[in-house]
Amino acid sequence: RGVTSEDCAALGAALRESGALSRLTALDLSSNSIGPDGARCIAEAAAAAGGAPLLRELSLSENRLGDGGAGALSLLLRAIGPPPDGRRAEQPAEQPAEEPPADALVR
């Protein structure tokens, strides 16, 4: 469980500053310790960089996003537009009992 919400701030800044978000096609951060703040950092970095227009796959399953993180990511999904053929939304894995499900992510 290596990547935390705090790490997402640095990751978001690095992706934004390097210009990598404009070329990114997949991002797999599943099975980490990312919470709502980390999801917000990723979404804000993408928004500040003009989105991630080539992103086809985003995996954040088995994290602790909760409704706050799902809401932040839904803003990201709206900012990059409707999914072209090939983009898929991964159904979040079962959340621990203390965390609400993040099903708003795919609405």
N, C-alpha and C. Protein backbone atom coordinates (compact mmCIF):
# COMPACT_ATOMS: atom_id res chain seq x y z
N ARG A 1 0.85 -1.18 0.00
CA ARG A 1 0.00 0.00 0.00
C ARG A 1 0.89 1.23 0.00
N GLY A 2 1.62 1.40 -1.09
CA GLY A 2 2.66 2.41 -1.15
C GLY A 2 2.24 3.84 -1.37
N VAL A 3 1.30 4.14 -2.26
CA VAL A 3 0.96 5.52 -2.60
C VAL A 3 -0.13 6.02 -1.67
N THR A 4 0.13 7.15 -1.02
CA THR A 4 -0.84 7.75 -0.10
C THR A 4 -1.40 9.02 -0.71
N SER A 5 -2.37 9.61 -0.03
CA SER A 5 -2.93 10.89 -0.48
C SER A 5 -1.85 11.95 -0.54
N GLU A 6 -0.94 11.94 0.42
CA GLU A 6 0.15 12.92 0.43
C GLU A 6 1.05 12.74 -0.80
N ASP A 7 1.29 11.51 -1.20
CA ASP A 7 2.10 11.24 -2.38
C ASP A 7 1.42 11.76 -3.65
N CYS A 8 0.09 11.76 -3.66
CA CYS A 8 -0.65 12.20 -4.84
C CYS A 8 -0.42 13.67 -5.16
N ALA A 9 -0.16 14.48 -4.15
CA ALA A 9 0.14 15.90 -4.39
C ALA A 9 1.43 16.01 -5.20
N ALA A 10 2.45 15.27 -4.80
CA ALA A 10 3.73 15.28 -5.52
C ALA A 10 3.59 14.65 -6.90
N LEU A 11 2.84 13.56 -6.98
CA LEU A 11 2.62 12.91 -8.27
C LEU A 11 1.88 13.83 -9.23
N GLY A 12 0.83 14.48 -8.74
CA GLY A 12 0.07 15.42 -9.57
C GLY A 12 0.94 16.55 -10.08
N ALA A 13 1.77 17.10 -9.19
CA ALA A 13 2.66 18.20 -9.59
C ALA A 13 3.66 17.73 -10.64
N ALA A 14 4.22 16.55 -10.45
CA ALA A 14 5.20 16.04 -11.41
C ALA A 14 4.56 15.78 -12.77
N LEU A 15 3.37 15.20 -12.78
CA LEU A 15 2.68 14.94 -14.04
C LEU A 15 2.33 16.25 -14.75
N ARG A 16 1.90 17.23 -13.97
CA ARG A 16 1.52 18.53 -14.55
C ARG A 16 2.74 19.26 -15.09
N GLU A 17 3.79 19.35 -14.30
CA GLU A 17 4.98 20.11 -14.69
C GLU A 17 5.73 19.48 -15.85
N SER A 18 5.68 18.17 -15.96
CA SER A 18 6.40 17.48 -17.04
C SER A 18 5.62 17.48 -18.35
N GLY A 19 4.34 17.81 -18.27
CA GLY A 19 3.50 17.76 -19.46
C GLY A 19 3.02 16.35 -19.79
N ALA A 20 3.29 15.40 -18.89
CA ALA A 20 2.94 14.00 -19.15
C ALA A 20 1.43 13.77 -19.21
N LEU A 21 0.64 14.60 -18.54
CA LEU A 21 -0.81 14.39 -18.55
C LEU A 21 -1.40 14.48 -19.95
N SER A 22 -0.79 15.28 -20.81
CA SER A 22 -1.32 15.41 -22.17
C SER A 22 -1.06 14.16 -23.00
N ARG A 23 -0.13 13.30 -22.54
CA ARG A 23 0.20 12.08 -23.27
C ARG A 23 -0.23 10.80 -22.56
N LEU A 24 -0.72 10.95 -21.36
CA LEU A 24 -1.07 9.80 -20.52
C LEU A 24 -2.27 9.05 -21.08
N THR A 25 -2.14 7.74 -21.27
CA THR A 25 -3.25 6.93 -21.77
C THR A 25 -3.83 6.02 -20.69
N ALA A 26 -3.05 5.70 -19.67
CA ALA A 26 -3.53 4.84 -18.58
C ALA A 26 -2.84 5.25 -17.28
N LEU A 27 -3.58 5.15 -16.20
CA LEU A 27 -3.03 5.44 -14.87
C LEU A 27 -3.62 4.43 -13.91
N ASP A 28 -2.77 3.58 -13.37
CA ASP A 28 -3.20 2.53 -12.44
C ASP A 28 -2.62 2.83 -11.07
N LEU A 29 -3.46 3.29 -10.18
CA LEU A 29 -3.07 3.55 -8.79
C LEU A 29 -3.89 2.67 -7.85
N SER A 30 -4.31 1.51 -8.34
CA SER A 30 -5.13 0.61 -7.53
C SER A 30 -4.30 0.01 -6.40
N SER A 31 -5.00 -0.45 -5.38
CA SER A 31 -4.42 -1.14 -4.22
C SER A 31 -3.39 -0.28 -3.50
N ASN A 32 -3.75 0.97 -3.23
CA ASN A 32 -2.89 1.87 -2.48
C ASN A 32 -3.65 2.42 -1.29
N SER A 33 -3.19 3.49 -0.73
CA SER A 33 -3.83 4.12 0.44
C SER A 33 -4.26 5.54 0.11
N ILE A 34 -4.89 5.70 -1.04
CA ILE A 34 -5.32 7.02 -1.50
C ILE A 34 -6.71 7.31 -0.96
N GLY A 35 -6.85 8.46 -0.34
CA GLY A 35 -8.13 8.90 0.20
C GLY A 35 -8.70 10.03 -0.63
N PRO A 36 -9.73 10.69 -0.12
CA PRO A 36 -10.38 11.79 -0.85
C PRO A 36 -9.41 12.91 -1.24
N ASP A 37 -8.50 13.26 -0.34
CA ASP A 37 -7.55 14.34 -0.65
C ASP A 37 -6.64 13.97 -1.81
N GLY A 38 -6.22 12.72 -1.87
CA GLY A 38 -5.37 12.27 -2.98
C GLY A 38 -6.11 12.30 -4.30
N ALA A 39 -7.36 11.88 -4.28
CA ALA A 39 -8.17 11.92 -5.51
C ALA A 39 -8.34 13.36 -5.97
N ARG A 40 -8.55 14.27 -5.01
CA ARG A 40 -8.68 15.68 -5.34
C ARG A 40 -7.40 16.22 -5.97
N CYS A 41 -6.25 15.83 -5.44
CA CYS A 41 -4.96 16.28 -6.00
C CYS A 41 -4.79 15.82 -7.44
N ILE A 42 -5.16 14.60 -7.72
CA ILE A 42 -5.04 14.08 -9.09
C ILE A 42 -5.97 14.85 -10.03
N ALA A 43 -7.21 15.05 -9.58
CA ALA A 43 -8.18 15.78 -10.41
C ALA A 43 -7.75 17.22 -10.64
N GLU A 44 -7.27 17.89 -9.60
CA GLU A 44 -6.83 19.28 -9.73
C GLU A 44 -5.61 19.40 -10.64
N ALA A 45 -4.69 18.45 -10.55
CA ALA A 45 -3.51 18.49 -11.41
C ALA A 45 -3.91 18.36 -12.87
N ALA A 46 -4.84 17.45 -13.14
CA ALA A 46 -5.29 17.27 -14.52
C ALA A 46 -6.03 18.50 -15.02
N ALA A 47 -6.86 19.08 -14.17
CA ALA A 47 -7.60 20.27 -14.57
C ALA A 47 -6.65 21.43 -14.85
N ALA A 48 -5.63 21.60 -14.01
CA ALA A 48 -4.67 22.69 -14.17
C ALA A 48 -3.83 22.51 -15.44
N ALA A 49 -3.65 21.28 -15.85
CA ALA A 49 -2.84 21.00 -17.04
C ALA A 49 -3.68 20.92 -18.30
N GLY A 50 -4.96 21.25 -18.20
CA GLY A 50 -5.82 21.18 -19.37
C GLY A 50 -6.43 19.82 -19.59
N GLY A 51 -6.43 18.99 -18.56
CA GLY A 51 -7.04 17.67 -18.67
C GLY A 51 -6.05 16.61 -19.11
N ALA A 52 -6.59 15.45 -19.35
CA ALA A 52 -5.81 14.31 -19.81
C ALA A 52 -6.55 13.74 -21.01
N PRO A 53 -6.44 14.39 -22.17
CA PRO A 53 -7.29 14.05 -23.31
C PRO A 53 -7.12 12.64 -23.86
N LEU A 54 -5.98 12.02 -23.64
CA LEU A 54 -5.76 10.67 -24.17
C LEU A 54 -6.02 9.58 -23.14
N LEU A 55 -6.37 9.96 -21.92
CA LEU A 55 -6.59 8.99 -20.85
C LEU A 55 -7.73 8.05 -21.22
N ARG A 56 -7.45 6.78 -21.26
CA ARG A 56 -8.45 5.76 -21.61
C ARG A 56 -8.77 4.86 -20.43
N GLU A 57 -7.85 4.79 -19.47
CA GLU A 57 -8.06 3.87 -18.36
C GLU A 57 -7.51 4.51 -17.07
N LEU A 58 -8.36 4.61 -16.08
CA LEU A 58 -8.00 5.14 -14.77
C LEU A 58 -8.45 4.12 -13.74
N SER A 59 -7.52 3.57 -12.99
CA SER A 59 -7.87 2.56 -11.99
C SER A 59 -7.44 3.05 -10.61
N LEU A 60 -8.43 3.19 -9.76
CA LEU A 60 -8.20 3.58 -8.37
C LEU A 60 -8.91 2.62 -7.42
N SER A 61 -9.13 1.40 -7.87
CA SER A 61 -9.83 0.43 -7.03
C SER A 61 -8.98 0.10 -5.80
N GLU A 62 -9.64 -0.37 -4.78
CA GLU A 62 -9.00 -0.77 -3.53
C GLU A 62 -8.22 0.36 -2.89
N ASN A 63 -8.82 1.54 -2.90
CA ASN A 63 -8.34 2.70 -2.15
C ASN A 63 -9.47 3.12 -1.22
N ARG A 64 -9.31 4.21 -0.54
CA ARG A 64 -10.33 4.70 0.38
C ARG A 64 -10.81 6.08 -0.09
N LEU A 65 -11.35 6.12 -1.30
CA LEU A 65 -11.76 7.38 -1.90
C LEU A 65 -12.98 7.99 -1.23
N GLY A 66 -13.94 7.18 -0.89
CA GLY A 66 -15.18 7.69 -0.31
C GLY A 66 -15.91 8.58 -1.30
N ASP A 67 -16.98 9.18 -0.85
CA ASP A 67 -17.78 10.03 -1.73
C ASP A 67 -17.03 11.30 -2.13
N GLY A 68 -16.20 11.84 -1.23
CA GLY A 68 -15.44 13.05 -1.56
C GLY A 68 -14.47 12.81 -2.70
N GLY A 69 -13.77 11.70 -2.68
CA GLY A 69 -12.84 11.37 -3.76
C GLY A 69 -13.57 11.06 -5.05
N ALA A 70 -14.69 10.37 -4.94
CA ALA A 70 -15.47 10.06 -6.14
C ALA A 70 -16.00 11.34 -6.78
N GLY A 71 -16.41 12.29 -5.95
CA GLY A 71 -16.89 13.56 -6.48
C GLY A 71 -15.79 14.31 -7.21
N ALA A 72 -14.59 14.33 -6.65
CA ALA A 72 -13.46 15.00 -7.30
C ALA A 72 -13.15 14.35 -8.64
N LEU A 73 -13.18 13.03 -8.67
CA LEU A 73 -12.86 12.33 -9.92
C LEU A 73 -13.97 12.49 -10.95
N SER A 74 -15.21 12.63 -10.49
CA SER A 74 -16.28 12.84 -11.46
C SER A 74 -16.10 14.19 -12.16
N LEU A 75 -15.58 15.18 -11.46
CA LEU A 75 -15.27 16.47 -12.09
C LEU A 75 -14.19 16.30 -13.14
N LEU A 76 -13.20 15.48 -12.84
CA LEU A 76 -12.14 15.19 -13.81
C LEU A 76 -12.72 14.53 -15.05
N LEU A 77 -13.59 13.56 -14.86
CA LEU A 77 -14.18 12.85 -15.99
C LEU A 77 -15.02 13.79 -16.86
N ARG A 78 -15.74 14.70 -16.22
CA ARG A 78 -16.52 15.67 -16.99
C ARG A 78 -15.61 16.63 -17.75
N ALA A 79 -14.49 17.00 -17.14
CA ALA A 79 -13.57 17.95 -17.78
C ALA A 79 -12.92 17.37 -19.03
N ILE A 80 -12.68 16.05 -19.03
CA ILE A 80 -12.03 15.46 -20.21
C ILE A 80 -13.04 15.02 -21.25
N GLY A 81 -14.33 15.21 -20.98
CA GLY A 81 -15.34 14.97 -21.99
C GLY A 81 -15.89 13.57 -22.00
N PRO A 82 -16.82 13.33 -22.94
CA PRO A 82 -17.44 12.01 -23.01
C PRO A 82 -16.43 10.96 -23.44
N PRO A 83 -16.58 9.75 -22.92
CA PRO A 83 -15.62 8.70 -23.24
C PRO A 83 -15.66 8.31 -24.72
N PRO A 84 -14.51 8.34 -25.38
CA PRO A 84 -14.46 7.81 -26.74
C PRO A 84 -14.46 6.29 -26.69
N ASP A 85 -14.60 5.65 -27.80
CA ASP A 85 -14.54 4.19 -27.81
C ASP A 85 -13.23 3.76 -27.15
N GLY A 86 -13.33 2.78 -26.30
CA GLY A 86 -12.13 2.24 -25.68
C GLY A 86 -11.91 2.71 -24.25
N ARG A 87 -12.46 3.85 -23.84
CA ARG A 87 -12.27 4.29 -22.46
C ARG A 87 -13.25 3.52 -21.60
N ARG A 88 -12.81 3.09 -20.44
CA ARG A 88 -13.71 2.37 -19.58
C ARG A 88 -13.60 2.88 -18.15
N ALA A 89 -14.70 2.83 -17.46
CA ALA A 89 -14.73 3.19 -16.05
C ALA A 89 -14.74 1.90 -15.27
N GLU A 90 -13.76 1.74 -14.40
CA GLU A 90 -13.68 0.53 -13.60
C GLU A 90 -14.62 0.63 -12.42
N GLN A 91 -15.36 -0.41 -12.19
CA GLN A 91 -16.26 -0.44 -11.05
C GLN A 91 -15.40 -0.52 -9.79
N PRO A 92 -15.60 0.39 -8.82
CA PRO A 92 -14.79 0.36 -7.60
C PRO A 92 -14.96 -0.96 -6.88
N ALA A 93 -13.87 -1.43 -6.28
CA ALA A 93 -13.91 -2.66 -5.49
C ALA A 93 -14.70 -2.40 -4.21
N GLU A 94 -15.05 -3.45 -3.55
CA GLU A 94 -15.78 -3.36 -2.30
C GLU A 94 -15.02 -2.45 -1.34
N GLN A 95 -15.69 -1.44 -0.79
CA GLN A 95 -15.09 -0.51 0.16
C GLN A 95 -15.20 -1.11 1.56
N PRO A 96 -14.25 -0.79 2.45
CA PRO A 96 -14.39 -1.23 3.85
C PRO A 96 -15.66 -0.64 4.45
N ALA A 97 -16.17 -1.29 5.47
CA ALA A 97 -17.45 -0.91 6.07
C ALA A 97 -17.48 0.54 6.53
N GLU A 98 -16.34 1.09 6.98
CA GLU A 98 -16.33 2.46 7.48
C GLU A 98 -16.33 3.50 6.38
N GLU A 99 -16.12 3.09 5.16
CA GLU A 99 -16.12 4.02 4.02
C GLU A 99 -17.36 3.81 3.17
N PRO A 100 -18.04 4.88 2.79
CA PRO A 100 -19.19 4.72 1.90
C PRO A 100 -18.72 4.31 0.51
N PRO A 101 -19.57 3.63 -0.27
CA PRO A 101 -19.16 3.24 -1.61
C PRO A 101 -18.95 4.46 -2.51
N ALA A 102 -18.03 4.34 -3.42
CA ALA A 102 -17.70 5.46 -4.30
C ALA A 102 -18.37 5.28 -5.66
N ASP A 103 -19.64 4.84 -5.65
CA ASP A 103 -20.31 4.58 -6.92
C ASP A 103 -20.65 5.84 -7.70
N ALA A 104 -20.53 6.99 -7.09
CA ALA A 104 -20.80 8.24 -7.81
C ALA A 104 -19.75 8.48 -8.89
N LEU A 105 -18.65 7.77 -8.85
CA LEU A 105 -17.56 7.94 -9.81
C LEU A 105 -18.02 7.69 -11.24
N VAL A 106 -18.90 6.78 -11.46
CA VAL A 106 -19.28 6.41 -12.82
C VAL A 106 -20.64 6.97 -13.22
N ARG A 107 -21.19 7.89 -12.45
CA ARG A 107 -22.46 8.51 -12.79
C ARG A 107 -22.28 9.64 -13.74
